[in-house]
């Protein structure tokens, strides 16, 4: 993503492109589907992290001097160029090893995001839109394991409404 895709005061991020390896190297391409191009709200935590990233990147830019190639990327190499996906994976592997999370894979973070939202009671449609899934069925099929616990909570809510507290 580019800094032009980030609206920190408005707490939003706009998905407009992706980096993909082609025969010509790393290229900016449109997202996979029309639903992938979308605005995403940013949490206060994400806004603070992006503000810190902007400061870190300004220091990297100063250190790189004339070697810096300004692509306007939020997450760039130490000389401003797009980060090779293999290097991103390699760095993630290093960080997870230090954290003792040998079982964790980078894509698991996407699954954790969806699972946590569903577990916190967010609507399936909201999670679908945030993930950029093309159908609600795709989201339900992938994250349906979270829904039984939510169904038990819904049954308990009916008991509370009808005055049967504690019987579920």
C-alpha atoms as a PDB file:
ATOM      1  CA  UNK A   1       0.000   0.000   0.000  1.00  0.00           C
ATOM      2  CA  UNK A   2       1.079   3.532  -0.622  1.00  0.00           C
ATOM      3  CA  UNK A   3       0.849   6.454   1.752  1.00  0.00           C
ATOM      4  CA  UNK A   4      -1.678   7.932  -0.687  1.00  0.00           C
ATOM      5  CA  UNK A   5      -3.926   4.953   0.184  1.00  0.00           C
ATOM      6  CA  UNK A   6      -3.877   5.822   3.886  1.00  0.00           C
ATOM      7  CA  UNK A   7      -6.091   8.449   5.515  1.00  0.00           C
ATOM      8  CA  UNK A   8      -4.884   8.607   9.119  1.00  0.00           C
ATOM      9  CA  UNK A   9      -7.158  11.471  10.255  1.00  0.00           C
ATOM     10  CA  UNK A  10     -10.123   9.649   8.701  1.00  0.00           C
ATOM     11  CA  UNK A  11      -8.888   6.314  10.114  1.00  0.00           C
ATOM     12  CA  UNK A  12      -9.202   4.547   6.760  1.00  0.00           C
ATOM     13  CA  UNK A  13      -7.096   2.571   4.331  1.00  0.00           C
ATOM     14  CA  UNK A  14      -7.968   2.062   0.676  1.00  0.00           C
ATOM     15  CA  UNK A  15      -7.020  -1.200  -1.040  1.00  0.00           C
ATOM     16  CA  UNK A  16      -6.220  -0.221  -4.625  1.00  0.00           C
ATOM     17  CA  UNK A  17      -3.346  -2.450  -5.734  1.00  0.00           C
ATOM     18  CA  UNK A  18      -1.083  -5.306  -4.840  1.00  0.00           C
ATOM     19  CA  UNK A  19       2.496  -6.255  -5.618  1.00  0.00           C
ATOM     20  CA  UNK A  20       2.917  -9.409  -7.656  1.00  0.00           C
ATOM     21  CA  UNK A  21       5.917 -11.247  -9.041  1.00  0.00           C
ATOM     22  CA  UNK A  22       5.799 -11.485 -12.840  1.00  0.00           C
ATOM     23  CA  UNK A  23       8.291 -12.384 -15.556  1.00  0.00           C
ATOM     24  CA  UNK A  24       9.418  -8.750 -15.407  1.00  0.00           C
ATOM     25  CA  UNK A  25       9.957  -8.770 -11.621  1.00  0.00           C
ATOM     26  CA  UNK A  26       7.774  -7.173  -8.952  1.00  0.00           C
ATOM     27  CA  UNK A  27       4.903  -5.208 -10.427  1.00  0.00           C
ATOM     28  CA  UNK A  28       1.965  -3.231  -9.086  1.00  0.00           C
ATOM     29  CA  UNK A  29      -1.271  -4.842 -10.259  1.00  0.00           C
ATOM     30  CA  UNK A  30      -4.948  -4.362  -9.450  1.00  0.00           C
ATOM     31  CA  UNK A  31      -6.388  -6.566  -6.681  1.00  0.00           C
ATOM     32  CA  UNK A  32      -7.679 -10.015  -7.654  1.00  0.00           C
ATOM     33  CA  UNK A  33     -11.395  -9.172  -7.671  1.00  0.00           C
ATOM     34  CA  UNK A  34     -13.598  -6.083  -7.740  1.00  0.00           C
ATOM     35  CA  UNK A  35     -14.498  -6.773  -4.079  1.00  0.00           C
ATOM     36  CA  UNK A  36     -10.812  -6.696  -3.180  1.00  0.00           C
ATOM     37  CA  UNK A  37     -10.684  -2.961  -4.005  1.00  0.00           C
ATOM     38  CA  UNK A  38     -12.283  -1.470  -0.945  1.00  0.00           C
ATOM     39  CA  UNK A  39     -11.927   1.002   1.898  1.00  0.00           C
ATOM     40  CA  UNK A  40     -11.044  -0.462   5.279  1.00  0.00           C
ATOM     41  CA  UNK A  41     -11.564   1.280   8.611  1.00  0.00           C
ATOM     42  CA  UNK A  42      -8.474   1.527  10.808  1.00  0.00           C
ATOM     43  CA  UNK A  43      -8.490   0.965  14.546  1.00  0.00           C
ATOM     44  CA  UNK A  44      -6.797   3.497  16.804  1.00  0.00           C
ATOM     45  CA  UNK A  45      -4.065   0.900  17.374  1.00  0.00           C
ATOM     46  CA  UNK A  46      -3.479   0.624  13.618  1.00  0.00           C
ATOM     47  CA  UNK A  47      -3.360   4.416  13.239  1.00  0.00           C
ATOM     48  CA  UNK A  48      -0.676   4.649  15.944  1.00  0.00           C
ATOM     49  CA  UNK A  49       1.320   1.843  14.295  1.00  0.00           C
ATOM     50  CA  UNK A  50       1.150   3.599  10.915  1.00  0.00           C
ATOM     51  CA  UNK A  51       2.217   6.892  12.471  1.00  0.00           C
ATOM     52  CA  UNK A  52       5.221   5.111  14.016  1.00  0.00           C
ATOM     53  CA  UNK A  53       5.976   3.489  10.640  1.00  0.00           C
ATOM     54  CA  UNK A  54       6.018   6.911   8.989  1.00  0.00           C
ATOM     55  CA  UNK A  55       8.627   8.104  11.517  1.00  0.00           C
ATOM     56  CA  UNK A  56      10.742   4.922  11.058  1.00  0.00           C
ATOM     57  CA  UNK A  57      10.573   5.282   7.300  1.00  0.00           C
ATOM     58  CA  UNK A  58      11.629   8.936   7.401  1.00  0.00           C
ATOM     59  CA  UNK A  59      14.777   7.850   9.267  1.00  0.00           C
ATOM     60  CA  UNK A  60      15.428   5.099   6.696  1.00  0.00           C
ATOM     61  CA  UNK A  61      14.991   7.617   3.887  1.00  0.00           C
ATOM     62  CA  UNK A  62      17.552   9.944   5.491  1.00  0.00           C
ATOM     63  CA  UNK A  63      19.990   7.066   5.983  1.00  0.00           C
ATOM     64  CA  UNK A  64      19.596   5.855   2.375  1.00  0.00           C
ATOM     65  CA  UNK A  65      20.055   9.367   0.951  1.00  0.00           C
ATOM     66  CA  UNK A  66      20.356   9.259  -2.840  1.00  0.00           C
ATOM     67  CA  UNK A  67      19.818   5.476  -2.909  1.00  0.00           C
ATOM     68  CA  UNK A  68      16.182   5.976  -1.840  1.00  0.00           C
ATOM     69  CA  UNK A  69      13.675   5.298  -4.621  1.00  0.00           C
ATOM     70  CA  UNK A  70      10.414   6.936  -3.675  1.00  0.00           C
ATOM     71  CA  UNK A  71       7.513   4.678  -4.592  1.00  0.00           C
ATOM     72  CA  UNK A  72       5.399   6.166  -1.794  1.00  0.00           C
ATOM     73  CA  UNK A  73       5.109   2.753  -0.135  1.00  0.00           C
ATOM     74  CA  UNK A  74       4.073   2.372   3.495  1.00  0.00           C
ATOM     75  CA  UNK A  75       6.195  -0.752   3.863  1.00  0.00           C
ATOM     76  CA  UNK A  76       9.232  -0.565   1.622  1.00  0.00           C
ATOM     77  CA  UNK A  77      12.732  -1.956   1.541  1.00  0.00           C
ATOM     78  CA  UNK A  78      15.465   0.084   3.254  1.00  0.00           C
ATOM     79  CA  UNK A  79      15.940   1.929  -0.051  1.00  0.00           C
ATOM     80  CA  UNK A  80      12.240   2.608  -0.739  1.00  0.00           C
ATOM     81  CA  UNK A  81      11.599  -0.126  -3.291  1.00  0.00           C
ATOM     82  CA  UNK A  82       8.808  -2.735  -3.040  1.00  0.00           C
ATOM     83  CA  UNK A  83       9.621  -5.508  -0.593  1.00  0.00           C
ATOM     84  CA  UNK A  84      10.080  -8.904  -2.161  1.00  0.00           C
ATOM     85  CA  UNK A  85       7.368 -11.221  -0.788  1.00  0.00           C
ATOM     86  CA  UNK A  86      10.030 -13.856  -0.069  1.00  0.00           C
ATOM     87  CA  UNK A  87      11.852 -11.369   2.152  1.00  0.00           C
ATOM     88  CA  UNK A  88       8.629 -10.505   3.969  1.00  0.00           C
ATOM     89  CA  UNK A  89       8.060 -14.225   4.639  1.00  0.00           C
ATOM     90  CA  UNK A  90      11.670 -14.687   5.726  1.00  0.00           C
ATOM     91  CA  UNK A  91      11.428 -11.785   8.202  1.00  0.00           C
ATOM     92  CA  UNK A  92       8.119 -13.106   9.554  1.00  0.00           C
ATOM     93  CA  UNK A  93       9.733 -16.526  10.064  1.00  0.00           C
ATOM     94  CA  UNK A  94      12.530 -14.902  12.070  1.00  0.00           C
ATOM     95  CA  UNK A  95      10.121 -12.945  14.254  1.00  0.00           C
ATOM     96  CA  UNK A  96       7.862 -15.913  14.963  1.00  0.00           C
ATOM     97  CA  UNK A  97      10.882 -18.058  15.898  1.00  0.00           C
ATOM     98  CA  UNK A  98      12.015 -15.409  18.400  1.00  0.00           C
ATOM     99  CA  UNK A  99       8.472 -15.334  19.807  1.00  0.00           C
ATOM    100  CA  UNK A 100       8.422 -19.141  20.066  1.00  0.00           C
ATOM    101  CA  UNK A 101       5.459 -19.456  17.705  1.00  0.00           C
ATOM    102  CA  UNK A 102       6.844 -22.121  15.393  1.00  0.00           C
ATOM    103  CA  UNK A 103       3.327 -23.265  14.456  1.00  0.00           C
ATOM    104  CA  UNK A 104       2.253 -19.807  13.209  1.00  0.00           C
ATOM    105  CA  UNK A 105       2.241 -18.972   9.492  1.00  0.00           C
ATOM    106  CA  UNK A 106       1.839 -15.510   8.006  1.00  0.00           C
ATOM    107  CA  UNK A 107      -1.563 -16.283   6.477  1.00  0.00           C
ATOM    108  CA  UNK A 108      -2.745 -17.469   9.917  1.00  0.00           C
ATOM    109  CA  UNK A 109      -2.892 -13.803  10.918  1.00  0.00           C
ATOM    110  CA  UNK A 110      -5.734 -13.269   8.437  1.00  0.00           C
ATOM    111  CA  UNK A 111      -7.593 -16.238   9.909  1.00  0.00           C
ATOM    112  CA  UNK A 112      -7.001 -14.961  13.442  1.00  0.00           C
ATOM    113  CA  UNK A 113      -8.372 -11.545  12.453  1.00  0.00           C
ATOM    114  CA  UNK A 114     -11.607 -13.078  11.149  1.00  0.00           C
ATOM    115  CA  UNK A 115     -11.952 -15.527  14.042  1.00  0.00           C
ATOM    116  CA  UNK A 116     -11.455 -12.837  16.681  1.00  0.00           C
ATOM    117  CA  UNK A 117     -14.024 -10.557  15.033  1.00  0.00           C
ATOM    118  CA  UNK A 118     -16.621 -13.323  14.837  1.00  0.00           C
ATOM    119  CA  UNK A 119     -15.895 -14.370  18.400  1.00  0.00           C
ATOM    120  CA  UNK A 120     -16.459 -10.771  19.510  1.00  0.00           C
ATOM    121  CA  UNK A 121     -19.897 -10.825  17.908  1.00  0.00           C
ATOM    122  CA  UNK A 122     -19.205  -8.989  14.670  1.00  0.00           C
ATOM    123  CA  UNK A 123     -21.640  -9.819  11.891  1.00  0.00           C
ATOM    124  CA  UNK A 124     -20.595 -12.347   9.270  1.00  0.00           C
ATOM    125  CA  UNK A 125     -21.277  -9.784   6.519  1.00  0.00           C
ATOM    126  CA  UNK A 126     -18.961  -7.258   8.186  1.00  0.00           C
ATOM    127  CA  UNK A 127     -16.175  -9.827   8.391  1.00  0.00           C
ATOM    128  CA  UNK A 128     -16.806 -10.797   4.759  1.00  0.00           C
ATOM    129  CA  UNK A 129     -16.439  -7.183   3.643  1.00  0.00           C
ATOM    130  CA  UNK A 130     -13.297  -6.581   5.696  1.00  0.00           C
ATOM    131  CA  UNK A 131     -11.670  -9.704   4.254  1.00  0.00           C
ATOM    132  CA  UNK A 132     -12.758  -8.825   0.724  1.00  0.00           C
ATOM    133  CA  UNK A 133     -14.496 -12.172   0.192  1.00  0.00           C
ATOM    134  CA  UNK A 134     -16.743 -12.335  -2.855  1.00  0.00           C
ATOM    135  CA  UNK A 135     -19.574 -14.138  -1.023  1.00  0.00           C
ATOM    136  CA  UNK A 136     -20.804 -14.504   2.523  1.00  0.00           C
ATOM    137  CA  UNK A 137     -20.790 -18.255   1.966  1.00  0.00           C
ATOM    138  CA  UNK A 138     -17.011 -18.220   1.489  1.00  0.00           C
ATOM    139  CA  UNK A 139     -16.637 -16.469   4.847  1.00  0.00           C
ATOM    140  CA  UNK A 140     -19.118 -18.793   6.579  1.00  0.00           C
ATOM    141  CA  UNK A 141     -17.510 -21.924   5.123  1.00  0.00           C
ATOM    142  CA  UNK A 142     -14.028 -20.792   6.142  1.00  0.00           C
ATOM    143  CA  UNK A 143     -14.866 -19.455   9.602  1.00  0.00           C
ATOM    144  CA  UNK A 144     -17.979 -21.449  10.500  1.00  0.00           C
ATOM    145  CA  UNK A 145     -16.135 -23.134  13.362  1.00  0.00           C
ATOM    146  CA  UNK A 146     -16.515 -19.910  15.349  1.00  0.00           C
ATOM    147  CA  UNK A 147     -20.276 -19.745  14.894  1.00  0.00           C
ATOM    148  CA  UNK A 148     -21.399 -22.637  17.190  1.00  0.00           C
ATOM    149  CA  UNK A 149     -20.128 -20.768  20.248  1.00  0.00           C
ATOM    150  CA  UNK A 150     -22.011 -17.690  19.063  1.00  0.00           C
ATOM    151  CA  UNK A 151     -25.149 -19.836  18.618  1.00  0.00           C
ATOM    152  CA  UNK A 152     -24.874 -21.014  22.257  1.00  0.00           C
ATOM    153  CA  UNK A 153     -24.599 -17.378  23.352  1.00  0.00           C
ATOM    154  CA  UNK A 154     -27.679 -16.538  21.282  1.00  0.00           C
ATOM    155  CA  UNK A 155     -29.635 -19.354  22.964  1.00  0.00           C
ATOM    156  CA  UNK A 156     -28.566 -18.006  26.358  1.00  0.00           C
ATOM    157  CA  UNK A 157     -29.694 -14.539  25.310  1.00  0.00           C
ATOM    158  CA  UNK A 158     -33.175 -15.902  24.557  1.00  0.00           C
ATOM    159  CA  UNK A 159     -33.246 -17.449  28.039  1.00  0.00           C
ATOM    160  CA  UNK A 160     -32.287 -14.095  29.572  1.00  0.00           C
ATOM    161  CA  UNK A 161     -34.957 -12.236  27.590  1.00  0.00           C
ATOM    162  CA  UNK A 162     -37.634 -14.741  28.549  1.00  0.00           C
ATOM    163  CA  UNK A 163     -36.620 -14.815  32.192  1.00  0.00           C
ATOM    164  CA  UNK A 164     -34.948 -18.226  32.265  1.00  0.00           C
ATOM    165  CA  UNK A 165     -31.581 -16.915  33.506  1.00  0.00           C
ATOM    166  CA  UNK A 166     -29.032 -19.667  34.091  1.00  0.00           C
ATOM    167  CA  UNK A 167     -31.037 -22.569  32.624  1.00  0.00           C
ATOM    168  CA  UNK A 168     -29.178 -22.802  29.321  1.00  0.00           C
END
